[in-house]
Each structure stands twice: as structure tokens, then as C-alpha cells.
C-alpha atoms as a PDB file:
ATOM      1  CA  MET A   1     -44.301 -59.553 136.870  1.00  0.00           C
ATOM      2  CA  GLY A   2     -46.575 -60.988 134.326  1.00  0.00           C
ATOM      3  CA  ILE A   3     -47.073 -57.662 132.801  1.00  0.00           C
ATOM      4  CA  LYS A   4     -43.416 -57.031 132.643  1.00  0.00           C
ATOM      5  CA  ASN A   5     -42.858 -60.316 130.823  1.00  0.00           C
ATOM      6  CA  PHE A   6     -45.765 -59.578 128.513  1.00  0.00           C
ATOM      7  CA  PHE A   7     -44.338 -56.236 127.558  1.00  0.00           C
ATOM      8  CA  SER A   8     -40.800 -57.547 127.257  1.00  0.00           C
ATOM      9  CA  GLY A   9     -42.049 -60.336 124.975  1.00  0.00           C
ATOM     10  CA  LEU A  10     -44.092 -57.914 122.904  1.00  0.00           C
ATOM     11  CA  PHE A  11     -41.358 -55.313 122.624  1.00  0.00           C
ATOM     12  CA  GLY A  12     -38.732 -57.989 122.145  1.00  0.00           C
ATOM     13  CA  LYS A  13     -40.587 -59.243 119.021  1.00  0.00           C
ATOM     14  CA  ALA A  14     -40.981 -55.705 117.783  1.00  0.00           C
ATOM     15  CA  LYS A  15     -37.320 -55.121 118.343  1.00  0.00           C
ATOM     16  CA  GLU A  16     -36.456 -58.312 116.362  1.00  0.00           C
ATOM     17  CA  THR A  17     -38.869 -57.332 113.614  1.00  0.00           C
ATOM     18  CA  ALA A  18     -37.458 -53.820 113.425  1.00  0.00           C
ATOM     19  CA  SER A  19     -33.969 -55.193 113.382  1.00  0.00           C
ATOM     20  CA  THR A  20     -34.905 -57.513 110.441  1.00  0.00           C
ATOM     21  CA  VAL A  21     -36.573 -54.656 108.560  1.00  0.00           C
ATOM     22  CA  VAL A  22     -33.531 -52.472 109.080  1.00  0.00           C
ATOM     23  CA  ASP A  23     -31.229 -55.253 107.864  1.00  0.00           C
ATOM     24  CA  LYS A  24     -33.341 -55.746 104.738  1.00  0.00           C
ATOM     25  CA  ALA A  25     -33.506 -52.014 104.116  1.00  0.00           C
ATOM     26  CA  GLU A  26     -29.757 -51.767 104.423  1.00  0.00           C
ATOM     27  CA  GLU A  27     -29.313 -54.672 101.904  1.00  0.00           C
ATOM     28  CA  MET A  28     -31.801 -52.960  99.534  1.00  0.00           C
ATOM     29  CA  ALA A  29     -30.113 -49.596  99.851  1.00  0.00           C
ATOM     30  CA  ASP A  30     -26.729 -51.162  99.203  1.00  0.00           C
ATOM     31  CA  LYS A  31     -28.117 -53.004  96.174  1.00  0.00           C
ATOM     32  CA  ALA A  32     -29.779 -49.845  94.877  1.00  0.00           C
ATOM     33  CA  ALA A  33     -26.605 -47.802  95.437  1.00  0.00           C
ATOM     34  CA  GLU A  34     -24.624 -50.444  93.552  1.00  0.00           C
ATOM     35  CA  GLU A  35     -27.176 -50.422  90.641  1.00  0.00           C
ATOM     36  CA  ILE A  36     -27.082 -46.605  90.576  1.00  0.00           C
ATOM     37  CA  LYS A  37     -23.294 -46.679  90.402  1.00  0.00           C
ATOM     38  CA  GLU A  38     -23.326 -49.150  87.503  1.00  0.00           C
ATOM     39  CA  THR A  39     -26.135 -47.262  85.726  1.00  0.00           C
ATOM     40  CA  SER A  40     -24.429 -43.840  86.202  1.00  0.00           C
ATOM     41  CA  ALA A  41     -21.102 -45.318  84.963  1.00  0.00           C
ATOM     42  CA  GLU A  42     -22.853 -46.588  81.867  1.00  0.00           C
ATOM     43  CA  LEU A  43     -24.704 -43.340  81.386  1.00  0.00           C
ATOM     44  CA  LYS A  44     -21.409 -41.444  81.827  1.00  0.00           C
ATOM     45  CA  GLU A  45     -19.751 -43.598  79.170  1.00  0.00           C
ATOM     46  CA  LYS A  46     -22.656 -43.180  76.749  1.00  0.00           C
ATOM     47  CA  THR A  47     -22.723 -39.426  77.377  1.00  0.00           C
ATOM     48  CA  ILE A  48     -19.026 -39.110  76.637  1.00  0.00           C
ATOM     49  CA  GLU A  49     -19.435 -41.283  73.571  1.00  0.00           C
ATOM     50  CA  GLY A  50     -22.399 -39.175  72.363  1.00  0.00           C
ATOM     51  CA  TYR A  51     -20.457 -35.971  73.050  1.00  0.00           C
ATOM     52  CA  ASN A  52     -17.465 -37.200  71.052  1.00  0.00           C
ATOM     53  CA  LYS A  53     -19.733 -38.320  68.129  1.00  0.00           C
ATOM     54  CA  ALA A  54     -21.460 -34.922  68.228  1.00  0.00           C
ATOM     55  CA  LYS A  55     -18.100 -33.185  68.253  1.00  0.00           C
ATOM     56  CA  ASP A  56     -16.868 -35.218  65.278  1.00  0.00           C
ATOM     57  CA  TRP A  57     -20.143 -34.637  63.414  1.00  0.00           C
ATOM     58  CA  THR A  58     -19.912 -30.893  64.076  1.00  0.00           C
ATOM     59  CA  LYS A  59     -16.404 -30.742  62.690  1.00  0.00           C
ATOM     60  CA  GLU A  60     -17.520 -32.649  59.566  1.00  0.00           C
ATOM     61  CA  ALA A  61     -20.486 -30.393  59.157  1.00  0.00           C
ATOM     62  CA  VAL A  62     -18.388 -27.272  59.480  1.00  0.00           C
ATOM     63  CA  GLU A  63     -15.970 -28.547  56.857  1.00  0.00           C
ATOM     64  CA  GLU A  64     -18.830 -29.373  54.504  1.00  0.00           C
ATOM     65  CA  VAL A  65     -20.339 -25.943  55.063  1.00  0.00           C
ATOM     66  CA  LYS A  66     -16.975 -24.320  54.319  1.00  0.00           C
ATOM     67  CA  GLU A  67     -16.591 -26.409  51.117  1.00  0.00           C
ATOM     68  CA  THR A  68     -20.111 -25.650  50.046  1.00  0.00           C
ATOM     69  CA  GLY A  69     -19.648 -21.953  50.851  1.00  0.00           C
ATOM     70  CA  ASN A  70     -16.411 -21.848  48.723  1.00  0.00           C
ATOM     71  CA  GLU A  71     -18.225 -23.660  45.867  1.00  0.00           C
ATOM     72  CA  LEU A  72     -21.127 -21.237  46.120  1.00  0.00           C
ATOM     73  CA  LYS A  73     -18.775 -18.250  46.238  1.00  0.00           C
ATOM     74  CA  ASP A  74     -16.979 -19.479  43.129  1.00  0.00           C
ATOM     75  CA  LYS A  75     -20.233 -20.069  41.270  1.00  0.00           C
ATOM     76  CA  THR A  76     -21.559 -16.654  42.382  1.00  0.00           C
ATOM     77  CA  MET A  77     -18.432 -14.929  41.061  1.00  0.00           C
ATOM     78  CA  GLU A  78     -18.727 -16.875  37.820  1.00  0.00           C
ATOM     79  CA  GLY A  79     -22.338 -15.855  37.472  1.00  0.00           C
ATOM     80  CA  TYR A  80     -21.561 -12.223  38.393  1.00  0.00           C
ATOM     81  CA  ASN A  81     -18.761 -12.063  35.716  1.00  0.00           C
ATOM     82  CA  LYS A  82     -21.089 -13.585  33.007  1.00  0.00           C
ATOM     83  CA  ALA A  83     -23.864 -11.080  33.930  1.00  0.00           C
ATOM     84  CA  LYS A  84     -21.342  -8.253  33.867  1.00  0.00           C
ATOM     85  CA  GLU A  85     -20.095  -9.308  30.419  1.00  0.00           C
ATOM     86  CA  TRP A  86     -23.720  -9.775  29.174  1.00  0.00           C
ATOM     87  CA  THR A  87     -24.709  -6.315  30.495  1.00  0.00           C
ATOM     88  CA  LYS A  88     -21.796  -4.685  28.640  1.00  0.00           C
ATOM     89  CA  GLU A  89     -22.790  -6.443  25.409  1.00  0.00           C
ATOM     90  CA  ALA A  90     -26.464  -5.460  25.876  1.00  0.00           C
ATOM     91  CA  VAL A  91     -25.499  -1.798  26.536  1.00  0.00           C
ATOM     92  CA  GLU A  92     -23.371  -1.706  23.374  1.00  0.00           C
ATOM     93  CA  GLU A  93     -26.195  -3.219  21.356  1.00  0.00           C
ATOM     94  CA  VAL A  94     -28.633  -0.647  22.732  1.00  0.00           C
ATOM     95  CA  LYS A  95     -26.176   2.198  21.924  1.00  0.00           C
ATOM     96  CA  GLU A  96     -25.783   0.926  18.349  1.00  0.00           C
ATOM     97  CA  THR A  97     -29.491   0.369  17.894  1.00  0.00           C
ATOM     98  CA  THR A  98     -30.377   3.698  19.410  1.00  0.00           C
ATOM     99  CA  SER A  99     -27.816   5.583  17.295  1.00  0.00           C
ATOM    100  CA  GLU A 100     -29.128   3.864  14.149  1.00  0.00           C
ATOM    101  CA  THR A 101     -32.666   4.601  15.144  1.00  0.00           C
ATOM    102  CA  VAL A 102     -31.921   8.305  15.836  1.00  0.00           C
ATOM    103  CA  ASP A 103     -30.190   8.613  12.425  1.00  0.00           C
ATOM    104  CA  LYS A 104     -33.128   6.993  10.726  1.00  0.00           C
ATOM    105  CA  VAL A 105     -35.637   9.215  12.533  1.00  0.00           C
ATOM    106  CA  GLN A 106     -33.679  12.361  11.698  1.00  0.00           C
ATOM    107  CA  GLN A 107     -33.574  11.426   8.042  1.00  0.00           C
ATOM    108  CA  SER A 108     -37.290  10.620   7.806  1.00  0.00           C
ATOM    109  CA  ASP A 109     -39.818  12.931   6.228  1.00  0.00           C
ATOM    110  CA  ILE A 110     -41.991  12.905   9.359  1.00  0.00           C
ATOM    111  CA  TYR A 111     -39.071  14.178  11.475  1.00  0.00           C
ATOM    112  CA  LYS A 112     -38.404  16.937   8.918  1.00  0.00           C
ATOM    113  CA  LYS A 113     -42.115  17.936   8.832  1.00  0.00           C
ATOM    114  CA  ALA A 114     -42.316  17.833  12.637  1.00  0.00           C
ATOM    115  CA  SER A 115     -39.197  20.027  12.839  1.00  0.00           C
ATOM    116  CA  GLY A 116     -40.809  22.511  10.464  1.00  0.00           C
ATOM    117  CA  TYR A 117     -43.959  22.573  12.598  1.00  0.00           C
ATOM    118  CA  VAL A 118     -41.865  23.046  15.746  1.00  0.00           C
ATOM    119  CA  ASP A 119     -39.975  25.968  14.084  1.00  0.00           C
ATOM    120  CA  LYS A 120     -43.284  27.517  13.035  1.00  0.00           C
ATOM    121  CA  ALA A 121     -44.713  27.007  16.474  1.00  0.00           C
ATOM    122  CA  VAL A 122     -41.746  28.683  18.094  1.00  0.00           C
ATOM    123  CA  ASP A 123     -42.000  31.623  15.718  1.00  0.00           C
ATOM    124  CA  SER A 124     -45.693  31.953  16.415  1.00  0.00           C
ATOM    125  CA  ALA A 125     -45.179  31.741  20.106  1.00  0.00           C
ATOM    126  CA  SER A 126     -42.336  34.399  19.919  1.00  0.00           C
ATOM    127  CA  GLN A 127     -44.645  36.772  17.879  1.00  0.00           C
ATOM    128  CA  MET A 128     -47.559  36.241  20.272  1.00  0.00           C
ATOM    129  CA  GLY A 129     -45.202  36.910  23.231  1.00  0.00           C
ATOM    130  CA  ALA A 130     -43.999  40.139  21.611  1.00  0.00           C
ATOM    131  CA  ASN A 131     -47.616  41.156  20.914  1.00  0.00           C
ATOM    132  CA  ILE A 132     -48.600  40.501  24.527  1.00  0.00           C
ATOM    133  CA  VAL A 133     -45.658  42.457  25.765  1.00  0.00           C
ATOM    134  CA  ASN A 134     -46.483  45.424  23.503  1.00  0.00           C
ATOM    135  CA  GLU A 135     -50.137  45.357  24.552  1.00  0.00           C
ATOM    136  CA  GLY A 136     -49.038  45.180  28.139  1.00  0.00           C
ATOM    137  CA  LYS A 137     -46.807  48.234  27.742  1.00  0.00           C
ATOM    138  CA  GLU A 138     -49.642  50.133  26.084  1.00  0.00           C
ATOM    139  CA  PHE A 139     -52.020  49.129  28.872  1.00  0.00           C
ATOM    140  CA  VAL A 140     -49.581  50.253  31.540  1.00  0.00           C
ATOM    141  CA  SER A 141     -48.952  53.550  29.686  1.00  0.00           C
ATOM    142  CA  SER A 142     -52.707  54.151  29.377  1.00  0.00           C
ATOM    143  CA  ALA A 143     -53.299  53.239  33.009  1.00  0.00           C
ATOM    144  CA  GLU A 144     -50.507  55.562  34.054  1.00  0.00           C
ATOM    145  CA  GLU A 145     -52.039  58.405  32.026  1.00  0.00           C
ATOM    146  CA  LYS A 146     -55.475  57.822  33.579  1.00  0.00           C
ATOM    147  CA  MET A 147     -53.942  57.681  37.008  1.00  0.00           C
ATOM    148  CA  ASN A 148     -52.196  61.043  36.487  1.00  0.00           C
ATOM    149  CA  GLN A 149     -55.498  62.576  35.262  1.00  0.00           C
ATOM    150  CA  VAL A 150     -57.380  61.230  38.323  1.00  0.00           C
ATOM    151  CA  THR A 151     -54.563  62.479  40.642  1.00  0.00           C
ATOM    152  CA  ASP A 152     -54.670  65.919  39.021  1.00  0.00           C
ATOM    153  CA  SER A 153     -58.432  66.016  39.288  1.00  0.00           C
ATOM    154  CA  ILE A 154     -58.252  65.028  42.981  1.00  0.00           C
ATOM    155  CA  LYS A 155     -55.604  67.664  43.695  1.00  0.00           C
ATOM    156  CA  GLU A 156     -57.705  70.339  41.945  1.00  0.00           C
ATOM    157  CA  LYS A 157     -60.887  69.401  43.888  1.00  0.00           C
ATOM    158  CA  SER A 158     -58.974  69.194  47.134  1.00  0.00           C
ATOM    159  CA  THR A 159     -57.673  72.705  46.527  1.00  0.00           C
ATOM    160  CA  GLN A 160     -61.163  73.978  45.755  1.00  0.00           C
ATOM    161  CA  LEU A 161     -62.521  72.260  48.846  1.00  0.00           C
ATOM    162  CA  MET A 162     -59.812  73.783  50.968  1.00  0.00           C
ATOM    163  CA  ASP A 163     -60.507  77.225  49.622  1.00  0.00           C
ATOM    164  CA  ASN A 164     -64.262  76.761  50.264  1.00  0.00           C
ATOM    165  CA  VAL A 165     -63.443  75.622  53.843  1.00  0.00           C
ATOM    166  CA  LYS A 166     -61.192  78.655  54.426  1.00  0.00           C
ATOM    167  CA  ASP A 167     -63.877  81.032  53.026  1.00  0.00           C
ATOM    168  CA  LYS A 168     -66.560  79.483  55.249  1.00  0.00           C
ATOM    169  CA  PHE A 169     -64.267  79.557  58.287  1.00  0.00           C
ATOM    170  CA  SER A 170     -63.403  83.240  57.575  1.00  0.00           C
ATOM    171  CA  ASP A 171     -67.114  84.076  57.202  1.00  0.00           C
ATOM    172  CA  VAL A 172     -68.019  82.355  60.439  1.00  0.00           C
ATOM    173  CA  ALA A 173     -65.047  84.087  62.204  1.00  0.00           C
ATOM    174  CA  ASP A 174     -66.189  87.508  60.884  1.00  0.00           C
ATOM    175  CA  GLU A 175     -69.815  86.884  62.038  1.00  0.00           C
ATOM    176  CA  GLU A 176     -68.604  85.829  65.467  1.00  0.00           C
ATOM    177  CA  SER A 177     -66.386  88.860  65.697  1.00  0.00           C
ATOM    178  CA  ALA A 178     -69.317  91.145  64.632  1.00  0.00           C
ATOM    179  CA  LYS A 179     -71.551  89.483  67.247  1.00  0.00           C
ATOM    180  CA  SER A 180     -68.982  89.987  69.924  1.00  0.00           C
ATOM    181  CA  GLN A 181     -68.630  93.670  69.091  1.00  0.00           C
ATOM    182  CA  ASN A 182     -72.355  94.179  69.094  1.00  0.00           C
ATOM    183  CA  ASN A 183     -72.598  92.567  72.503  1.00  0.00           C
ATOM    184  CA  GLU A 184     -69.927  94.846  73.890  1.00  0.00           C
ATOM    185  CA  GLU A 185     -71.643  97.906  72.385  1.00  0.00           C
ATOM    186  CA  SER A 186     -74.900  96.805  73.848  1.00  0.00           C
ATOM    187  CA  LYS A 187     -73.329  96.360  77.231  1.00  0.00           C
ATOM    188  CA  THR A 188     -71.837  99.854  77.012  1.00  0.00           C
ATOM    189  CA  ASP A 189     -75.178 101.346  75.946  1.00  0.00           C
ATOM    190  CA  SER A 190     -76.901  99.670  78.763  1.00  0.00           C
ATOM    191  CA  ASN A 191     -74.524 100.830  81.300  1.00  0.00           C
ATOM    192  CA  SER A 192     -74.776 104.402  80.233  1.00  0.00           C
END
């Protein structure tokens, strides 16, 4: 029985130690759970507080952006209208200046001389064009005449050539006919 008592004593102490460890672990777990509850409650409150602050800040920022946008829009329209007015004035000044400049140029001696040169150049170009057209017509007429001469010459030579070919053909045909008759006569003479 000694062994039994030994093991009972040994396991009894282990049982007591395990029971103590379990009790301490339960206490620590309860304490940790309580601390987690407290911390998460604080964290939840701070999160809600931060969310509300962000929400308020966002509303304020949106309002500021709207106000700034409206101010910017007003200033942009004001600038646009000033630019539009300035552009109209500038265009009018350019028109007036251009008109005055054109009048001055047209009245100047240089313009008058240049106009005279232009007129002379146009007349010269017209005359040269007319000369070129006339020379072209003469060339075409001359070329047409030459072409007719060459065509007539070709026709004449073709006719002569055809007559020569016909004559030669007729001569050859006559010779062949004469040979054929001679052969028949020779056959008849040899048969007799």
C-alpha cells in the first residue's frame, strides 16, 4: 500500500497545484476581461467623439469650399467681363489704326508707284501670255501640216508597196502556172 499512498500523495499535490493554477488563471482572465471591457468602452467613446469631430470638421470644410468657390466664381466672372470689355476696346483701336494706316499707305507715293509697277507687270504678263498662245497656235498648226504631209507620204508609199507586192505575186503565180503546164506537157510527151 505504500506505493498507493505515494502516488496518492504525489497526485494529490499535483491536483492541489493544478486547482490553484486554475483559480489564479480564472482570476487573471476575469481581470483581463474587465480591463478589456473598460478599455473598449473608452475606445468606443473616443471613436464616437473622433467621428463626431470629423463630421463637424467636414461640414465646416464643405461650407468653406462652397464660400471660396462662390467667391472664385464671382472674381472669375468679374475678370472675364473686364477682359471682354478690354478686348472690344483693343479691337476698335486696331480697326481705327488699321483704317488710318491703309488710308496713309494708299495716299503715299510709294503705293502709287507700286500700283503703277503692278499695272505694268499685269500688262506685260498679259502680252506675254498672248504671245505664248499665238506661238502655240502656230506650232500646233505647223505640226498638223507636217503630220498631214507625213501621213500622205506614208499612204503613197504604202500604195506603191502594195502595187509592187501584187506585181511580184502575179509574176510568181504566172511562173508557177507556166511550170505546171510544162510539167503536164512533159508527162503527156513521155507517155506518148
